[in-house]
Amino acid sequence: MSSITVTGKVEKSGFGVGVWALVSESGETYELYNPPADLKKPLSKVTVTGKIRNDVMTVAMIGPVLEVTDYKT
């Protein structure tokens, strides 16, 4: 799996308890996979580096699942 870097905003998305999502500056939505505590809150701008997890299925199905390896707020 290769790493990607995405800049965007973090927001809560989905049904019920919801999931944390990263919405890129170009409008693509990524579901954050086990995000660190600092990313479990709305943020207007963050740069996240991570790996797309094609082997992970979710109930929310809001976009590709992104496992965070690093981030900068």
C-alpha atoms as a PDB file:
ATOM      1  CA  MET A   1       0.000   0.000   0.000  1.00  0.00           C
ATOM      2  CA  SER A   2       1.401   3.360  -0.952  1.00  0.00           C
ATOM      3  CA  SER A   3       0.974   6.490   1.152  1.00  0.00           C
ATOM      4  CA  ILE A   4      -1.139   9.466   0.127  1.00  0.00           C
ATOM      5  CA  THR A   5      -1.290  12.973   1.547  1.00  0.00           C
ATOM      6  CA  VAL A   6      -4.620  14.817   1.629  1.00  0.00           C
ATOM      7  CA  THR A   7      -5.420  18.341   2.819  1.00  0.00           C
ATOM      8  CA  GLY A   8      -8.950  19.168   3.851  1.00  0.00           C
ATOM      9  CA  LYS A   9     -11.320  19.473   6.788  1.00  0.00           C
ATOM     10  CA  VAL A  10     -12.376  16.911   9.390  1.00  0.00           C
ATOM     11  CA  GLU A  11     -16.078  16.533  10.093  1.00  0.00           C
ATOM     12  CA  LYS A  12     -18.457  14.034  11.671  1.00  0.00           C
ATOM     13  CA  SER A  13     -20.450  12.125   9.065  1.00  0.00           C
ATOM     14  CA  GLY A  14     -22.888   9.256   8.819  1.00  0.00           C
ATOM     15  CA  PHE A  15     -25.732   7.756  10.786  1.00  0.00           C
ATOM     16  CA  GLY A  16     -26.119   7.065  14.506  1.00  0.00           C
ATOM     17  CA  VAL A  17     -22.891   7.733  16.359  1.00  0.00           C
ATOM     18  CA  GLY A  18     -21.316   8.693  13.030  1.00  0.00           C
ATOM     19  CA  VAL A  19     -17.776   8.427  11.750  1.00  0.00           C
ATOM     20  CA  TRP A  20     -14.978  10.937  11.326  1.00  0.00           C
ATOM     21  CA  ALA A  21     -14.377  11.966   7.747  1.00  0.00           C
ATOM     22  CA  LEU A  22     -11.751  13.979   5.912  1.00  0.00           C
ATOM     23  CA  VAL A  23     -13.212  16.076   3.102  1.00  0.00           C
ATOM     24  CA  SER A  24     -10.423  17.081   0.730  1.00  0.00           C
ATOM     25  CA  GLU A  25     -10.035  20.520  -0.820  1.00  0.00           C
ATOM     26  CA  SER A  26     -11.169  18.956  -4.116  1.00  0.00           C
ATOM     27  CA  GLY A  27     -14.342  17.556  -2.485  1.00  0.00           C
ATOM     28  CA  GLU A  28     -13.437  13.868  -2.109  1.00  0.00           C
ATOM     29  CA  THR A  29     -14.501  12.277   1.192  1.00  0.00           C
ATOM     30  CA  TYR A  30     -12.360   9.754   3.077  1.00  0.00           C
ATOM     31  CA  GLU A  31     -13.488   7.802   6.125  1.00  0.00           C
ATOM     32  CA  LEU A  32     -10.794   8.021   8.805  1.00  0.00           C
ATOM     33  CA  TYR A  33      -9.821   4.564  10.103  1.00  0.00           C
ATOM     34  CA  ASN A  34      -9.035   4.540  13.847  1.00  0.00           C
ATOM     35  CA  PRO A  35      -8.083   8.235  13.857  1.00  0.00           C
ATOM     36  CA  PRO A  36      -5.962   9.627  16.705  1.00  0.00           C
ATOM     37  CA  ALA A  37      -7.849  11.597  19.388  1.00  0.00           C
ATOM     38  CA  ASP A  38      -6.693  14.939  17.932  1.00  0.00           C
ATOM     39  CA  LEU A  39      -8.586  14.138  14.706  1.00  0.00           C
ATOM     40  CA  LYS A  40     -11.832  13.184  16.472  1.00  0.00           C
ATOM     41  CA  LYS A  41     -13.151  16.741  16.376  1.00  0.00           C
ATOM     42  CA  PRO A  42     -14.178  19.167  13.652  1.00  0.00           C
ATOM     43  CA  LEU A  43     -11.125  20.857  12.114  1.00  0.00           C
ATOM     44  CA  SER A  44     -11.232  23.462   9.365  1.00  0.00           C
ATOM     45  CA  LYS A  45      -7.839  22.538   7.894  1.00  0.00           C
ATOM     46  CA  VAL A  46      -5.602  19.524   8.348  1.00  0.00           C
ATOM     47  CA  THR A  47      -3.073  17.651   6.226  1.00  0.00           C
ATOM     48  CA  VAL A  48      -3.214  13.884   6.670  1.00  0.00           C
ATOM     49  CA  THR A  49      -0.785  11.261   5.418  1.00  0.00           C
ATOM     50  CA  GLY A  50      -1.943   7.673   5.380  1.00  0.00           C
ATOM     51  CA  LYS A  51      -2.816   4.550   3.444  1.00  0.00           C
ATOM     52  CA  ILE A  52      -6.027   3.663   1.636  1.00  0.00           C
ATOM     53  CA  ARG A  53      -7.352   0.445   3.191  1.00  0.00           C
ATOM     54  CA  ASN A  54      -9.131  -1.497   0.445  1.00  0.00           C
ATOM     55  CA  ASP A  55      -9.327  -4.487   2.807  1.00  0.00           C
ATOM     56  CA  VAL A  56     -11.602  -2.667   5.295  1.00  0.00           C
ATOM     57  CA  MET A  57     -15.391  -2.481   4.867  1.00  0.00           C
ATOM     58  CA  THR A  58     -17.524  -0.039   6.849  1.00  0.00           C
ATOM     59  CA  VAL A  59     -21.211   0.556   7.461  1.00  0.00           C
ATOM     60  CA  ALA A  60     -20.939   4.273   6.648  1.00  0.00           C
ATOM     61  CA  MET A  61     -19.591   3.746   3.095  1.00  0.00           C
ATOM     62  CA  ILE A  62     -18.881   7.476   2.672  1.00  0.00           C
ATOM     63  CA  GLY A  63     -15.689   7.031   0.668  1.00  0.00           C
ATOM     64  CA  PRO A  64     -12.306   5.299   0.698  1.00  0.00           C
ATOM     65  CA  VAL A  65     -11.063   4.244   4.142  1.00  0.00           C
ATOM     66  CA  LEU A  66      -7.921   6.198   5.087  1.00  0.00           C
ATOM     67  CA  GLU A  67      -5.648   4.860   7.840  1.00  0.00           C
ATOM     68  CA  VAL A  68      -3.802   7.858   9.291  1.00  0.00           C
ATOM     69  CA  THR A  69      -0.039   7.523   9.742  1.00  0.00           C
ATOM     70  CA  ASP A  70       0.728  11.231  10.266  1.00  0.00           C
ATOM     71  CA  TYR A  71      -1.090  14.558  10.333  1.00  0.00           C
ATOM     72  CA  LYS A  72      -0.491  18.286  10.674  1.00  0.00           C
ATOM     73  CA  THR A  73      -3.063  20.839  11.829  1.00  0.00           C
END
